[in-house]
C-alpha atoms as a PDB file:
ATOM      1  CA  UNK A   1      15.246 115.642 109.070  1.00  0.00           C
ATOM      2  CA  UNK A   2      18.679 116.478 110.094  1.00  0.00           C
ATOM      3  CA  UNK A   3      17.737 120.253 110.353  1.00  0.00           C
ATOM      4  CA  UNK A   4      15.431 119.041 113.573  1.00  0.00           C
ATOM      5  CA  UNK A   5      17.097 120.325 116.887  1.00  0.00           C
ATOM      6  CA  UNK A   6      16.617 116.510 118.272  1.00  0.00           C
ATOM      7  CA  UNK A   7      18.167 114.639 115.334  1.00  0.00           C
ATOM      8  CA  UNK A   8      21.755 114.511 114.777  1.00  0.00           C
ATOM      9  CA  UNK A   9      23.236 112.312 112.108  1.00  0.00           C
ATOM     10  CA  UNK A  10      27.053 111.416 111.941  1.00  0.00           C
ATOM     11  CA  UNK A  11      28.843 111.033 108.781  1.00  0.00           C
ATOM     12  CA  UNK A  12      32.551 109.671 109.011  1.00  0.00           C
ATOM     13  CA  UNK A  13      33.854 108.902 105.769  1.00  0.00           C
ATOM     14  CA  UNK A  14      36.596 106.232 104.875  1.00  0.00           C
ATOM     15  CA  UNK A  15      39.015 108.179 104.708  1.00  0.00           C
ATOM     16  CA  UNK A  16      38.967 109.047 107.965  1.00  0.00           C
ATOM     17  CA  UNK A  17      39.655 105.532 108.852  1.00  0.00           C
ATOM     18  CA  UNK A  18      38.110 102.563 111.616  1.00  0.00           C
ATOM     19  CA  UNK A  19      36.883 103.655 114.958  1.00  0.00           C
ATOM     20  CA  UNK A  20      35.473 101.664 118.132  1.00  0.00           C
ATOM     21  CA  UNK A  21      31.878 100.927 116.958  1.00  0.00           C
ATOM     22  CA  UNK A  22      32.503 100.525 113.196  1.00  0.00           C
ATOM     23  CA  UNK A  23      30.148  98.153 111.364  1.00  0.00           C
ATOM     24  CA  UNK A  24      27.168  98.448 113.870  1.00  0.00           C
ATOM     25  CA  UNK A  25      24.754 100.877 114.007  1.00  0.00           C
ATOM     26  CA  UNK A  26      24.118 102.338 117.238  1.00  0.00           C
ATOM     27  CA  UNK A  27      21.091 104.517 118.244  1.00  0.00           C
ATOM     28  CA  UNK A  28      21.357 106.664 121.140  1.00  0.00           C
ATOM     29  CA  UNK A  29      18.475 108.079 122.794  1.00  0.00           C
ATOM     30  CA  UNK A  30      18.523 110.425 125.540  1.00  0.00           C
ATOM     31  CA  UNK A  31      16.691 112.737 127.258  1.00  0.00           C
ATOM     32  CA  UNK A  32      16.142 115.273 130.233  1.00  0.00           C
ATOM     33  CA  UNK A  33      17.063 111.956 132.802  1.00  0.00           C
ATOM     34  CA  UNK A  34      20.297 110.534 132.004  1.00  0.00           C
ATOM     35  CA  UNK A  35      19.422 107.456 133.776  1.00  0.00           C
ATOM     36  CA  UNK A  36      16.745 106.928 131.484  1.00  0.00           C
ATOM     37  CA  UNK A  37      18.923 107.022 128.286  1.00  0.00           C
ATOM     38  CA  UNK A  38      18.812 103.844 126.387  1.00  0.00           C
ATOM     39  CA  UNK A  39      21.173 101.982 123.329  1.00  0.00           C
ATOM     40  CA  UNK A  40      19.737 100.580 120.075  1.00  0.00           C
ATOM     41  CA  UNK A  41      22.290  98.310 118.561  1.00  0.00           C
ATOM     42  CA  UNK A  42      21.022  96.785 115.326  1.00  0.00           C
ATOM     43  CA  UNK A  43      22.700  92.897 114.871  1.00  0.00           C
ATOM     44  CA  UNK A  44      22.286  90.387 112.310  1.00  0.00           C
ATOM     45  CA  UNK A  45      20.353  88.334 115.062  1.00  0.00           C
ATOM     46  CA  UNK A  46      17.932  91.333 115.826  1.00  0.00           C
ATOM     47  CA  UNK A  47      17.837  94.211 117.793  1.00  0.00           C
ATOM     48  CA  UNK A  48      19.049  95.045 121.616  1.00  0.00           C
ATOM     49  CA  UNK A  49      18.638  97.371 123.848  1.00  0.00           C
ATOM     50  CA  UNK A  50      20.881  98.866 126.767  1.00  0.00           C
ATOM     51  CA  UNK A  51      20.163 100.953 129.742  1.00  0.00           C
ATOM     52  CA  UNK A  52      22.813  99.284 131.954  1.00  0.00           C
ATOM     53  CA  UNK A  53      24.749 102.737 133.723  1.00  0.00           C
ATOM     54  CA  UNK A  54      28.470 100.727 132.790  1.00  0.00           C
ATOM     55  CA  UNK A  55      27.034  99.672 129.389  1.00  0.00           C
ATOM     56  CA  UNK A  56      25.703 103.691 129.033  1.00  0.00           C
ATOM     57  CA  UNK A  57      29.051 104.674 129.921  1.00  0.00           C
ATOM     58  CA  UNK A  58      30.866 102.839 127.236  1.00  0.00           C
ATOM     59  CA  UNK A  59      28.969 103.839 124.207  1.00  0.00           C
ATOM     60  CA  UNK A  60      29.034 107.601 125.519  1.00  0.00           C
ATOM     61  CA  UNK A  61      32.831 107.195 125.442  1.00  0.00           C
ATOM     62  CA  UNK A  62      32.206 105.672 121.540  1.00  0.00           C
ATOM     63  CA  UNK A  63      29.856 108.136 120.868  1.00  0.00           C
ATOM     64  CA  UNK A  64      32.580 110.675 121.856  1.00  0.00           C
ATOM     65  CA  UNK A  65      35.251 108.901 119.433  1.00  0.00           C
ATOM     66  CA  UNK A  66      32.807 108.899 116.761  1.00  0.00           C
ATOM     67  CA  UNK A  67      32.028 112.866 117.034  1.00  0.00           C
ATOM     68  CA  UNK A  68      35.405 113.548 117.233  1.00  0.00           C
ATOM     69  CA  UNK A  69      36.476 112.081 113.972  1.00  0.00           C
ATOM     70  CA  UNK A  70      32.814 113.117 112.198  1.00  0.00           C
ATOM     71  CA  UNK A  71      31.993 115.462 109.543  1.00  0.00           C
ATOM     72  CA  UNK A  72      30.511 118.593 110.784  1.00  0.00           C
ATOM     73  CA  UNK A  73      26.766 119.133 110.417  1.00  0.00           C
ATOM     74  CA  UNK A  74      26.901 120.820 107.505  1.00  0.00           C
ATOM     75  CA  UNK A  75      29.841 119.368 105.877  1.00  0.00           C
ATOM     76  CA  UNK A  76      27.528 116.163 106.222  1.00  0.00           C
ATOM     77  CA  UNK A  77      24.638 117.571 104.705  1.00  0.00           C
ATOM     78  CA  UNK A  78      26.705 118.418 102.006  1.00  0.00           C
ATOM     79  CA  UNK A  79      28.449 115.348 101.779  1.00  0.00           C
ATOM     80  CA  UNK A  80      25.017 113.268 101.980  1.00  0.00           C
ATOM     81  CA  UNK A  81      23.487 116.224  99.128  1.00  0.00           C
ATOM     82  CA  UNK A  82      26.502 115.079  97.133  1.00  0.00           C
ATOM     83  CA  UNK A  83      25.777 111.096  97.184  1.00  0.00           C
ATOM     84  CA  UNK A  84      22.463 111.409  96.057  1.00  0.00           C
ATOM     85  CA  UNK A  85      23.679 113.973  92.982  1.00  0.00           C
ATOM     86  CA  UNK A  86      25.862 111.033  91.963  1.00  0.00           C
ATOM     87  CA  UNK A  87      23.075 108.695  91.919  1.00  0.00           C
END
């Protein structure tokens, strides 16, 4: 799935430390019209959808920080394949 053009998988190994947003699942759905972007947060009490511009901007910054410390796509695939081999 990670080889599909519209899917990005971010892997941040524990050795890279903590970051804003760690500990929660953040799904960012975007399209050709940025005003229609949506954030899906999975929380203990259920799913939360965010689409207000201020919320989107906050999570765009969080995702930008995550991307800066995450493994590159080919490294992420290798990391995941390594974990599978260890099982």
